[in-house]
N, C-alpha and C. Protein backbone atom coordinates (compact mmCIF):
# COMPACT_ATOMS: atom_id res chain seq x y z
N UNK A 1 170.79 125.23 -105.24
CA UNK A 1 170.95 126.23 -105.40
C UNK A 1 172.13 126.72 -106.15
N UNK A 2 171.91 127.08 -107.47
CA UNK A 2 173.00 127.10 -108.63
C UNK A 2 173.80 128.62 -108.58
N UNK A 3 174.60 129.20 -108.97
CA UNK A 3 175.02 130.15 -108.96
C UNK A 3 174.49 131.01 -109.62
N UNK A 4 173.23 130.93 -110.88
CA UNK A 4 172.44 132.01 -111.24
C UNK A 4 171.37 131.89 -110.52
N UNK A 5 171.06 132.18 -109.28
CA UNK A 5 170.24 132.14 -108.18
C UNK A 5 169.69 133.60 -108.77
N UNK A 6 168.32 133.94 -108.76
CA UNK A 6 167.53 135.35 -109.14
C UNK A 6 167.13 135.98 -107.77
N UNK A 7 166.93 137.13 -107.80
CA UNK A 7 166.34 138.18 -107.03
C UNK A 7 165.33 138.99 -107.11
N UNK A 8 164.38 138.81 -106.45
CA UNK A 8 163.22 139.67 -106.48
C UNK A 8 162.69 140.60 -105.09
N UNK A 9 162.73 141.86 -105.25
CA UNK A 9 162.32 142.58 -104.25
C UNK A 9 160.92 143.18 -104.07
N UNK A 10 160.34 142.93 -103.03
CA UNK A 10 158.91 143.52 -102.72
C UNK A 10 159.19 145.23 -102.77
N UNK A 11 158.13 145.60 -103.34
CA UNK A 11 157.67 147.16 -103.45
C UNK A 11 158.06 147.91 -102.05
N UNK A 12 157.48 147.41 -101.00
CA UNK A 12 157.94 148.50 -99.49
C UNK A 12 159.16 148.24 -99.43
N UNK A 13 159.50 147.31 -99.44
CA UNK A 13 161.14 147.10 -99.41
C UNK A 13 161.83 147.74 -100.07
N UNK A 14 161.60 147.71 -101.14
CA UNK A 14 162.52 148.99 -102.20
C UNK A 14 162.48 150.04 -102.17
N UNK A 15 161.05 150.57 -101.96
CA UNK A 15 160.49 151.83 -101.68
C UNK A 15 161.71 152.47 -100.25
N UNK A 16 161.65 151.37 -99.11
CA UNK A 16 162.19 151.72 -97.64
C UNK A 16 163.55 152.13 -98.01
N UNK A 17 164.18 151.22 -98.90
CA UNK A 17 165.71 151.39 -99.11
C UNK A 17 166.19 152.54 -99.65
N UNK A 18 165.26 153.20 -101.01
CA UNK A 18 165.35 154.64 -101.48
C UNK A 18 165.09 155.53 -100.74
N UNK A 19 163.69 155.66 -99.92
CA UNK A 19 163.66 156.59 -98.95
C UNK A 19 164.46 157.00 -98.03
N UNK A 20 165.46 156.26 -97.51
CA UNK A 20 166.32 156.29 -96.63
C UNK A 20 167.67 156.81 -97.09
N UNK A 21 167.91 156.07 -98.58
CA UNK A 21 169.08 157.12 -99.46
C UNK A 21 168.52 158.53 -99.22
N UNK A 22 167.52 158.88 -99.52
CA UNK A 22 166.85 160.02 -99.96
C UNK A 22 167.17 161.10 -98.75
N UNK A 23 166.77 160.54 -97.62
CA UNK A 23 166.43 161.05 -96.22
C UNK A 23 167.94 162.17 -95.87
N UNK A 24 168.88 161.22 -96.08
CA UNK A 24 170.32 161.45 -95.87
C UNK A 24 171.41 161.45 -97.32
N UNK A 25 171.02 162.70 -97.94
CA UNK A 25 171.51 162.62 -99.51
C UNK A 25 173.30 162.75 -99.72
N UNK A 26 173.16 163.50 -98.35
CA UNK A 26 175.03 163.48 -98.50
C UNK A 26 175.81 162.21 -97.51
N UNK A 27 175.36 161.34 -97.18
CA UNK A 27 176.05 160.61 -96.39
C UNK A 27 175.88 159.42 -96.67
N UNK A 28 176.85 158.06 -96.53
CA UNK A 28 176.39 156.74 -97.03
C UNK A 28 175.59 155.95 -96.16
N UNK A 29 174.91 155.61 -96.46
CA UNK A 29 173.27 154.85 -96.17
C UNK A 29 173.61 153.10 -96.32
N UNK A 30 172.97 152.74 -95.35
CA UNK A 30 173.09 151.37 -95.80
C UNK A 30 171.82 150.45 -95.19
N UNK A 31 171.44 149.32 -95.34
CA UNK A 31 170.26 148.29 -94.95
C UNK A 31 170.65 146.96 -95.12
N UNK A 32 169.53 145.98 -94.78
CA UNK A 32 169.76 144.93 -94.68
C UNK A 32 168.25 144.36 -95.25
N UNK A 33 168.74 143.41 -96.16
CA UNK A 33 167.31 142.93 -96.86
C UNK A 33 166.88 141.51 -95.97
N UNK A 34 165.98 141.72 -96.04
CA UNK A 34 165.15 140.37 -95.35
C UNK A 34 164.37 139.68 -96.56
N UNK A 35 164.24 138.08 -96.18
CA UNK A 35 163.27 137.39 -97.04
C UNK A 35 163.25 135.84 -96.70
N UNK A 36 163.40 135.44 -97.91
CA UNK A 36 163.64 133.94 -97.97
C UNK A 36 163.80 133.66 -99.21
N UNK A 37 164.31 132.19 -99.37
CA UNK A 37 164.26 131.26 -100.75
C UNK A 37 163.33 131.04 -101.43
N UNK A 38 162.85 130.78 -102.34
CA UNK A 38 161.54 130.58 -102.59
C UNK A 38 161.46 128.74 -102.62
N UNK A 39 160.29 128.17 -102.65
CA UNK A 39 160.23 126.72 -102.53
C UNK A 39 161.00 126.23 -103.48
N UNK A 40 160.97 126.84 -105.08
CA UNK A 40 161.66 125.97 -106.19
C UNK A 40 163.02 126.46 -105.94
N UNK A 41 163.22 127.29 -104.91
CA UNK A 41 164.85 127.20 -104.77
C UNK A 41 165.79 128.10 -106.14
N UNK A 42 165.35 128.73 -106.31
CA UNK A 42 165.89 129.23 -107.64
C UNK A 42 165.80 130.90 -107.63
N UNK A 43 164.84 131.05 -106.52
CA UNK A 43 164.58 132.59 -106.44
C UNK A 43 164.82 133.41 -104.84
N UNK A 44 165.44 134.23 -104.89
CA UNK A 44 165.52 134.97 -103.52
C UNK A 44 164.35 135.87 -103.38
N UNK A 45 163.86 135.65 -102.57
CA UNK A 45 162.58 136.94 -102.21
C UNK A 45 162.74 137.51 -101.12
N UNK A 46 163.29 138.98 -101.72
CA UNK A 46 163.34 140.26 -100.61
C UNK A 46 161.88 140.97 -100.44
N UNK A 47 161.90 140.33 -99.30
CA UNK A 47 160.09 140.76 -98.47
C UNK A 47 160.24 141.97 -97.60
N UNK A 48 161.27 142.17 -97.10
CA UNK A 48 161.46 143.41 -96.11
C UNK A 48 162.75 143.86 -96.05
N UNK A 49 163.01 145.49 -95.74
CA UNK A 49 164.08 145.94 -95.14
C UNK A 49 164.06 146.88 -94.15
N UNK A 50 165.68 146.60 -93.74
CA UNK A 50 165.95 147.42 -92.40
C UNK A 50 166.67 148.18 -92.57
N UNK A 51 166.33 149.53 -92.91
CA UNK A 51 167.65 151.00 -92.95
C UNK A 51 168.59 150.83 -91.61
N UNK A 52 169.63 150.76 -91.82
CA UNK A 52 171.08 150.51 -90.79
C UNK A 52 171.40 151.98 -89.89
N UNK A 53 172.44 152.48 -90.95
CA UNK A 53 172.88 153.64 -90.46
C UNK A 53 172.92 154.65 -91.46
N UNK A 54 173.22 155.91 -91.15
CA UNK A 54 173.77 156.94 -92.19
C UNK A 54 174.91 157.81 -91.44
N UNK A 55 175.71 157.55 -90.56
CA UNK A 55 176.44 157.49 -89.92
C UNK A 55 177.92 156.53 -89.35
N UNK A 56 178.87 156.39 -89.54
CA UNK A 56 179.79 155.58 -89.13
C UNK A 56 179.53 154.37 -89.68
N UNK A 57 179.66 154.30 -90.77
CA UNK A 57 178.82 152.84 -91.49
C UNK A 57 179.70 151.71 -91.05
N UNK A 58 180.96 151.59 -90.85
CA UNK A 58 182.08 151.09 -90.71
C UNK A 58 181.96 150.04 -89.32
N UNK A 59 181.29 151.00 -88.07
CA UNK A 59 181.49 150.37 -86.74
C UNK A 59 180.74 149.00 -86.80
N UNK A 60 181.95 147.98 -86.58
CA UNK A 60 181.67 146.74 -86.36
C UNK A 60 180.67 146.37 -85.11
N UNK A 61 180.75 147.23 -83.76
CA UNK A 61 180.06 146.68 -82.85
C UNK A 61 178.61 146.89 -82.81
N UNK A 62 178.16 148.36 -83.83
CA UNK A 62 176.88 148.56 -83.95
C UNK A 62 176.20 147.67 -85.07
N UNK A 63 177.09 147.40 -85.81
CA UNK A 63 176.35 146.52 -87.31
C UNK A 63 175.94 145.03 -86.45
N UNK A 64 177.12 144.25 -85.16
CA UNK A 64 176.91 143.30 -85.05
C UNK A 64 175.44 143.16 -84.05
N UNK A 65 175.42 144.30 -83.02
CA UNK A 65 173.99 145.01 -82.36
C UNK A 65 172.61 144.33 -82.89
N UNK A 66 172.93 145.58 -84.40
CA UNK A 66 171.79 145.61 -85.31
C UNK A 66 171.20 144.07 -85.84
N UNK A 67 172.42 143.36 -86.46
CA UNK A 67 172.19 141.80 -86.90
C UNK A 67 171.73 141.36 -85.81
N UNK A 68 172.01 141.43 -84.50
CA UNK A 68 171.54 140.07 -83.75
C UNK A 68 169.81 140.43 -83.49
N UNK A 69 169.11 141.68 -83.23
CA UNK A 69 168.10 142.18 -82.85
C UNK A 69 167.45 141.90 -84.13
N UNK A 70 168.18 142.31 -85.45
CA UNK A 70 166.88 141.83 -87.01
C UNK A 70 166.90 140.54 -86.94
N UNK A 71 167.97 139.75 -86.74
CA UNK A 71 167.91 138.54 -87.21
C UNK A 71 166.96 137.41 -85.98
N UNK A 72 166.91 138.09 -84.61
CA UNK A 72 165.99 137.53 -83.34
C UNK A 72 164.55 137.89 -84.34
N UNK A 73 164.26 138.99 -84.43
CA UNK A 73 162.97 139.44 -84.77
C UNK A 73 162.38 138.80 -85.80
N UNK A 74 163.19 138.67 -87.08
CA UNK A 74 162.48 138.36 -88.23
C UNK A 74 162.69 136.70 -88.56
N UNK A 75 163.55 136.21 -87.68
CA UNK A 75 163.46 134.36 -87.72
C UNK A 75 162.31 134.02 -86.95
N UNK A 76 161.64 134.90 -85.86
CA UNK A 76 160.53 133.99 -85.52
C UNK A 76 159.52 134.26 -86.37
N UNK A 77 159.49 135.05 -87.55
CA UNK A 77 158.27 134.80 -88.87
C UNK A 77 159.01 134.52 -89.83
N UNK A 78 159.84 133.50 -89.74
CA UNK A 78 160.30 132.51 -90.76
C UNK A 78 161.02 133.08 -91.88
N UNK A 79 161.82 134.30 -91.35
CA UNK A 79 162.64 134.95 -92.50
C UNK A 79 164.01 135.42 -92.13
N UNK A 80 164.61 135.30 -93.34
CA UNK A 80 166.23 135.63 -92.92
C UNK A 80 166.40 136.64 -93.34
N UNK A 81 167.79 136.93 -92.73
CA UNK A 81 168.88 137.84 -93.57
C UNK A 81 169.42 137.62 -94.81
N UNK A 82 169.04 138.34 -95.83
CA UNK A 82 169.47 137.37 -97.31
C UNK A 82 170.45 138.06 -98.11
N UNK A 83 170.75 139.47 -97.83
CA UNK A 83 171.44 140.47 -98.52
C UNK A 83 172.12 141.83 -97.78
N UNK A 84 172.42 142.80 -98.40
CA UNK A 84 172.81 144.15 -98.19
C UNK A 84 172.79 145.18 -99.08
N UNK A 85 172.58 146.34 -98.56
CA UNK A 85 171.95 147.25 -99.86
C UNK A 85 172.88 148.65 -98.83
N UNK A 86 173.51 149.27 -100.02
CA UNK A 86 174.36 150.46 -99.59
C UNK A 86 173.92 151.74 -100.86
N UNK A 87 174.20 152.64 -100.54
CA UNK A 87 174.09 153.93 -101.26
C UNK A 87 175.45 154.70 -100.81
N UNK A 88 176.47 155.07 -101.89
CA UNK A 88 177.50 155.83 -101.58
C UNK A 88 177.18 157.38 -101.18
N UNK A 89 178.39 157.58 -100.84
CA UNK A 89 178.37 159.06 -99.78
C UNK A 89 177.94 160.02 -100.95
N UNK A 90 178.92 159.90 -102.18
CA UNK A 90 178.73 160.94 -103.39
C UNK A 90 178.01 160.52 -104.30
N UNK A 91 177.43 161.22 -105.08
CA UNK A 91 176.26 160.84 -106.03
C UNK A 91 177.22 160.33 -107.41
N UNK A 92 178.42 160.63 -107.11
CA UNK A 92 178.89 160.30 -108.42
C UNK A 92 179.51 158.84 -108.44
N UNK A 93 179.81 158.41 -107.32
CA UNK A 93 180.58 157.09 -106.84
C UNK A 93 179.55 155.88 -107.30
N UNK A 94 180.45 155.14 -108.03
CA UNK A 94 179.44 154.10 -108.51
C UNK A 94 180.09 152.55 -108.33
N UNK A 95 180.76 152.45 -107.40
CA UNK A 95 181.84 151.28 -107.08
C UNK A 95 181.90 151.08 -105.58
N UNK A 96 181.64 149.57 -105.24
CA UNK A 96 181.79 149.33 -104.33
C UNK A 96 182.92 149.33 -103.25
N UNK A 97 183.12 150.08 -102.13
CA UNK A 97 184.02 150.31 -101.78
C UNK A 97 185.16 149.44 -100.62
N UNK A 98 185.76 149.25 -100.01
CA UNK A 98 186.31 148.28 -99.28
C UNK A 98 185.27 148.15 -98.50
N UNK A 99 184.69 148.81 -97.15
CA UNK A 99 184.08 148.59 -96.13
C UNK A 99 182.92 148.06 -96.68
N UNK A 100 181.92 148.55 -97.92
CA UNK A 100 181.15 147.82 -98.13
C UNK A 100 181.05 146.27 -98.78
N UNK A 101 182.46 146.14 -99.49
CA UNK A 101 182.61 144.80 -99.49
C UNK A 101 182.80 143.79 -98.03
N UNK A 102 183.52 144.37 -96.85
CA UNK A 102 183.43 144.04 -95.91
C UNK A 102 182.31 143.49 -95.01
N UNK A 103 181.22 144.31 -95.18
CA UNK A 103 179.94 144.15 -94.42
C UNK A 103 179.06 143.16 -95.39
N UNK A 104 179.69 143.38 -96.71
CA UNK A 104 178.76 142.44 -97.71
C UNK A 104 179.45 140.88 -97.52
N UNK A 105 180.69 140.36 -97.31
CA UNK A 105 181.24 139.44 -96.86
C UNK A 105 180.47 138.90 -95.26
N UNK A 106 180.43 139.92 -94.40
CA UNK A 106 180.04 139.43 -92.97
C UNK A 106 178.49 138.69 -93.35
N UNK A 107 177.69 139.82 -94.14
CA UNK A 107 176.21 139.41 -94.46
C UNK A 107 176.34 137.80 -94.85
N UNK A 108 177.32 137.62 -95.89
CA UNK A 108 177.37 136.00 -96.32
C UNK A 108 177.66 135.04 -95.40
N UNK A 109 177.92 135.39 -93.92
CA UNK A 109 177.84 134.33 -93.10
C UNK A 109 176.81 134.05 -92.58
N UNK A 110 175.53 134.78 -92.79
CA UNK A 110 174.06 134.24 -92.83
C UNK A 110 173.67 134.07 -94.07
N UNK A 111 174.02 134.36 -95.07
CA UNK A 111 173.28 133.61 -96.16
C UNK A 111 174.33 133.47 -97.16
N UNK A 112 175.19 132.58 -97.32
CA UNK A 112 176.41 132.51 -98.49
C UNK A 112 175.94 133.12 -100.06
N UNK A 113 174.89 133.20 -100.63
CA UNK A 113 174.10 133.68 -101.48
C UNK A 113 174.07 135.46 -101.67
N UNK A 114 174.26 136.02 -100.61
CA UNK A 114 173.54 137.40 -100.37
C UNK A 114 174.17 138.28 -101.21
N UNK A 115 173.11 139.05 -102.11
CA UNK A 115 174.06 140.08 -102.94
C UNK A 115 173.98 141.26 -102.13
N UNK A 116 174.57 142.63 -102.42
CA UNK A 116 174.87 143.29 -102.39
C UNK A 116 174.07 144.32 -103.58
N UNK A 117 173.00 145.15 -103.24
CA UNK A 117 172.48 146.32 -103.65
C UNK A 117 173.24 147.31 -103.73
N UNK A 118 173.69 148.26 -104.99
CA UNK A 118 173.96 149.26 -104.87
C UNK A 118 173.43 150.46 -105.45
N UNK A 119 172.89 151.46 -104.52
CA UNK A 119 171.98 152.73 -105.25
C UNK A 119 172.53 152.95 -106.53
N UNK A 120 171.89 153.14 -107.71
CA UNK A 120 172.25 153.81 -109.00
C UNK A 120 171.58 155.14 -108.82
N UNK A 121 172.59 156.15 -108.61
CA UNK A 121 172.23 157.41 -108.67
C UNK A 121 171.87 158.43 -109.92
N UNK A 122 172.50 157.96 -111.21
CA UNK A 122 172.04 158.09 -112.34
C UNK A 122 170.40 157.92 -112.38
N UNK A 123 170.05 156.53 -112.39
CA UNK A 123 168.73 155.99 -112.40
C UNK A 123 168.02 156.58 -111.34
N UNK A 124 168.13 157.13 -110.64
CA UNK A 124 167.82 157.78 -109.55
C UNK A 124 167.34 159.04 -109.94
N UNK A 125 168.03 160.16 -110.62
CA UNK A 125 167.99 161.20 -110.95
C UNK A 125 167.00 160.75 -112.37
N UNK A 126 167.36 160.25 -112.95
CA UNK A 126 166.62 160.11 -114.12
C UNK A 126 165.39 159.64 -114.06
N UNK A 127 164.94 159.01 -112.74
CA UNK A 127 163.59 158.50 -112.87
C UNK A 127 162.56 159.16 -113.03
N UNK A 128 162.56 160.89 -112.28
CA UNK A 128 161.58 161.68 -112.27
C UNK A 128 161.15 161.64 -114.07
N UNK A 129 161.95 162.10 -114.59
CA UNK A 129 161.25 162.35 -116.28
C UNK A 129 161.45 160.53 -116.88
N UNK A 130 162.43 160.08 -116.52
CA UNK A 130 162.37 158.69 -117.48
C UNK A 130 161.15 157.88 -117.25
N UNK A 131 160.17 158.08 -116.07
CA UNK A 131 159.03 156.84 -115.91
C UNK A 131 159.45 155.18 -116.02
N UNK A 132 160.99 155.17 -116.07
CA UNK A 132 161.72 153.65 -115.72
C UNK A 132 161.02 152.49 -115.39
N UNK A 133 160.63 151.53 -115.36
CA UNK A 133 159.92 150.66 -114.44
C UNK A 133 160.61 149.98 -113.79
N UNK A 134 162.09 149.63 -114.64
CA UNK A 134 163.34 148.68 -114.01
C UNK A 134 163.65 149.52 -112.39
N UNK A 135 164.45 148.47 -111.80
CA UNK A 135 165.15 148.65 -110.27
C UNK A 135 166.22 149.77 -110.55
N UNK A 136 165.93 150.88 -109.61
CA UNK A 136 167.34 151.98 -109.69
C UNK A 136 168.63 151.58 -108.79
N UNK A 137 168.81 150.19 -108.67
CA UNK A 137 169.93 149.45 -107.96
C UNK A 137 170.84 148.71 -109.07
N UNK A 138 172.12 148.78 -108.69
CA UNK A 138 172.68 147.75 -109.43
C UNK A 138 172.84 146.50 -108.59
N UNK A 139 172.72 145.14 -109.01
CA UNK A 139 173.04 143.81 -108.23
C UNK A 139 174.55 143.40 -108.31
N UNK A 140 175.36 142.90 -107.08
CA UNK A 140 176.41 142.55 -107.11
C UNK A 140 176.54 141.13 -106.23
N UNK A 141 176.92 140.28 -106.96
CA UNK A 141 177.24 138.91 -106.49
C UNK A 141 178.48 138.34 -106.04
N UNK A 142 178.71 137.37 -105.24
CA UNK A 142 180.31 136.90 -105.28
C UNK A 142 180.40 135.88 -106.40
N UNK A 143 181.44 135.88 -106.64
CA UNK A 143 181.75 134.81 -107.76
C UNK A 143 182.19 133.54 -106.98
N UNK A 144 182.95 132.81 -107.90
CA UNK A 144 183.57 131.40 -106.86
C UNK A 144 184.60 131.30 -105.77
N UNK A 145 185.17 132.66 -106.64
CA UNK A 145 186.30 133.21 -105.75
C UNK A 145 186.20 134.13 -104.70
N UNK A 146 184.77 134.09 -104.22
CA UNK A 146 184.41 135.30 -103.34
C UNK A 146 184.78 136.93 -103.48
N UNK A 147 185.06 137.11 -104.70
CA UNK A 147 185.15 138.53 -105.13
C UNK A 147 184.10 139.13 -105.66
N UNK A 148 183.47 140.30 -105.09
CA UNK A 148 182.12 140.61 -105.74
C UNK A 148 182.18 141.21 -106.90
N UNK A 149 181.03 140.94 -107.70
CA UNK A 149 181.42 141.31 -109.28
C UNK A 149 179.91 141.67 -109.57
N UNK A 150 179.78 142.73 -110.51
CA UNK A 150 178.89 143.89 -111.04
C UNK A 150 178.00 142.66 -111.63
N UNK A 151 176.49 142.45 -111.86
CA UNK A 151 175.78 141.50 -112.87
C UNK A 151 175.40 142.39 -113.68
N UNK A 152 176.06 142.40 -114.94
CA UNK A 152 175.85 143.51 -115.87
C UNK A 152 174.26 143.82 -116.29
N UNK A 153 174.00 144.70 -116.95
CA UNK A 153 172.79 145.31 -116.81
C UNK A 153 172.06 144.11 -117.87
N UNK A 154 172.62 143.36 -118.92
CA UNK A 154 171.94 142.61 -119.82
C UNK A 154 171.83 141.08 -118.99
N UNK A 155 172.48 141.27 -117.72
CA UNK A 155 171.65 140.08 -116.85
C UNK A 155 171.04 140.29 -115.84
N UNK A 156 170.23 141.50 -116.27
CA UNK A 156 169.15 141.95 -115.32
C UNK A 156 167.62 141.19 -114.97
N UNK A 157 167.81 139.70 -115.57
CA UNK A 157 166.94 139.12 -115.70
C UNK A 157 166.89 138.23 -114.14
N UNK A 158 167.97 138.52 -113.71
CA UNK A 158 168.54 138.00 -112.33
C UNK A 158 168.00 139.02 -111.04
N UNK A 159 167.35 140.10 -111.70
CA UNK A 159 166.77 140.94 -110.20
C UNK A 159 165.91 141.56 -110.96
N UNK A 160 165.17 141.93 -110.10
CA UNK A 160 163.41 142.38 -110.36
C UNK A 160 162.80 142.98 -109.57
N UNK A 161 162.03 143.97 -109.44
CA UNK A 161 161.03 144.16 -108.73
C UNK A 161 159.65 143.34 -108.82
N UNK A 162 159.29 143.14 -107.52
CA UNK A 162 158.01 142.06 -107.66
C UNK A 162 156.86 142.80 -108.19
N UNK A 163 156.69 144.36 -107.88
CA UNK A 163 155.49 144.90 -108.55
C UNK A 163 156.37 145.96 -109.57
N UNK A 164 155.68 145.74 -110.67
CA UNK A 164 156.31 146.54 -111.84
C UNK A 164 155.85 148.15 -111.81
N UNK A 165 154.96 148.12 -110.99
CA UNK A 165 154.65 149.67 -110.54
C UNK A 165 155.57 150.41 -109.35
N UNK A 166 156.12 149.69 -109.01
CA UNK A 166 157.10 150.37 -107.51
C UNK A 166 157.50 151.55 -107.67
N UNK A 167 158.27 151.83 -109.01
CA UNK A 167 158.57 153.21 -109.13
C UNK A 167 157.89 154.35 -109.36
N UNK A 168 156.65 154.03 -109.49
CA UNK A 168 155.58 155.06 -109.96
C UNK A 168 155.30 155.02 -108.21
N UNK A 169 154.81 154.13 -107.40
CA UNK A 169 154.58 154.49 -106.17
C UNK A 169 155.93 155.10 -105.29
N UNK A 170 156.49 154.92 -105.66
CA UNK A 170 158.19 155.43 -105.30
C UNK A 170 158.11 157.05 -105.72
N UNK A 171 157.53 157.60 -106.82
CA UNK A 171 158.02 158.69 -107.16
C UNK A 171 156.90 159.33 -106.15
N UNK A 172 155.80 159.27 -105.89
CA UNK A 172 154.54 159.40 -105.13
C UNK A 172 155.03 159.96 -103.76
N UNK A 173 155.65 159.19 -103.22
CA UNK A 173 156.18 159.11 -102.39
C UNK A 173 157.05 160.34 -101.90
N UNK A 174 158.05 160.28 -103.11
CA UNK A 174 159.34 161.00 -103.17
C UNK A 174 158.26 163.01 -103.21
N UNK A 175 157.56 162.95 -103.80
CA UNK A 175 156.83 163.89 -103.83
C UNK A 175 156.00 164.42 -102.54
N UNK A 176 155.83 163.36 -101.90
CA UNK A 176 155.38 163.74 -100.80
C UNK A 176 156.01 163.78 -99.37
N UNK A 177 157.66 163.77 -99.72
CA UNK A 177 158.78 163.98 -98.91
C UNK A 177 158.69 162.77 -97.65
N UNK A 178 158.07 161.61 -98.15
CA UNK A 178 157.92 160.60 -97.44
C UNK A 178 159.36 160.00 -96.63
N UNK A 179 160.43 160.83 -96.94
CA UNK A 179 161.47 160.30 -96.36
C UNK A 179 161.82 160.50 -95.41
N UNK A 180 160.87 161.61 -94.94
CA UNK A 180 161.33 162.27 -93.50
C UNK A 180 160.74 161.59 -92.25
N UNK A 181 160.09 160.41 -92.90
CA UNK A 181 159.56 159.58 -91.59
C UNK A 181 160.41 158.31 -91.65
N UNK A 182 161.16 157.94 -91.98
CA UNK A 182 162.13 157.10 -92.02
C UNK A 182 162.76 156.98 -90.89
N UNK A 183 163.10 155.71 -89.90
CA UNK A 183 163.71 155.51 -88.90
C UNK A 183 164.98 154.34 -89.25
N UNK A 184 166.05 154.70 -88.81
CA UNK A 184 167.12 153.48 -89.00
C UNK A 184 167.66 153.67 -87.86
N UNK A 185 168.40 152.48 -87.89
CA UNK A 185 169.36 152.12 -86.49
C UNK A 185 169.76 153.43 -85.62
N UNK A 186 170.48 154.01 -86.63
CA UNK A 186 171.07 155.37 -85.86
C UNK A 186 170.03 155.82 -85.34
N UNK A 187 169.20 156.33 -85.65
CA UNK A 187 168.06 157.40 -85.16
C UNK A 187 167.30 156.26 -83.66
N UNK A 188 167.58 155.03 -83.84
CA UNK A 188 166.91 153.85 -82.85
C UNK A 188 168.16 154.16 -81.47
N UNK A 189 169.12 154.47 -81.68
CA UNK A 189 170.07 154.34 -80.73
C UNK A 189 170.27 155.50 -80.29
N UNK A 190 169.74 156.69 -80.73
CA UNK A 190 169.42 157.82 -80.35
C UNK A 190 168.40 158.25 -79.60
N UNK A 191 167.72 157.28 -80.25
CA UNK A 191 166.58 157.99 -79.00
C UNK A 191 165.36 156.48 -79.38
N UNK A 192 165.43 155.30 -78.11
CA UNK A 192 164.96 153.93 -78.39
C UNK A 192 163.38 154.10 -78.58
N UNK A 193 162.77 155.04 -78.40
CA UNK A 193 161.38 155.46 -78.82
C UNK A 193 161.17 155.44 -80.12
N UNK A 194 161.99 155.27 -81.05
CA UNK A 194 161.87 155.29 -82.52
C UNK A 194 162.26 154.15 -83.30
N UNK A 195 161.11 153.40 -83.49
CA UNK A 195 161.33 151.92 -83.77
C UNK A 195 161.69 152.01 -85.49
N UNK A 196 162.62 151.00 -85.19
CA UNK A 196 163.65 150.82 -86.46
C UNK A 196 162.87 149.75 -87.46
N UNK A 197 161.60 149.46 -87.10
CA UNK A 197 161.03 148.62 -87.87
C UNK A 197 159.89 149.38 -89.09
N UNK A 198 159.72 150.45 -88.76
CA UNK A 198 159.00 151.86 -89.34
C UNK A 198 157.63 150.90 -89.81
N UNK A 199 156.82 150.34 -88.61
CA UNK A 199 155.81 150.01 -88.66
C UNK A 199 154.75 151.11 -89.67
N UNK A 200 154.51 152.17 -89.02
CA UNK A 200 153.49 152.87 -89.80
C UNK A 200 154.03 153.49 -90.94
N UNK A 201 155.09 153.57 -91.23
CA UNK A 201 155.41 154.24 -92.71
C UNK A 201 154.60 153.78 -94.05
N UNK A 202 153.90 153.13 -94.32
CA UNK A 202 153.12 152.94 -95.50
C UNK A 202 151.71 152.79 -95.15
N UNK A 203 151.33 153.23 -93.87
CA UNK A 203 149.75 153.65 -93.97
C UNK A 203 149.14 154.71 -94.50
């Protein structure tokens, strides 16, 4: 696997990430990306995502517990933890903070080529009018020195939505306030009857 690995996210995985961010607009939120490396070894296929937290994002014990549960569940299905998603607390914040990088580094223990996807709030705001078909996240990967670097938009071919209509479907979910149905690990830890797998979200 070369350093120019590509990343492709499936529609439902992508929509879950954005809805989780919209449910907690004044909090930082994060999620784990689930998937596999394609048989040709050049594309990381992100097939699912698991919303993690909307409070106390930097607490390692909760993160460790959630990662163990997530890995156990998905490895039985032949899938792995392949990356990390983050949405900053402030909508005008466009950088990876120290905590975010630390968590990203931690995820790289599971999958060394793991990316960080950062929500781009400008693109999210513009989505309602622009009808852009591109992903509204920024792609960060680690360089040879293990520093997180933004893959510039001219390199956007390294990251793509599997279904070109994903943003149109997302807009439908936004208009029906579907974000209210999202359950994350915080919700599950408060009430274990709430399922962090969100099995009925897209029914």
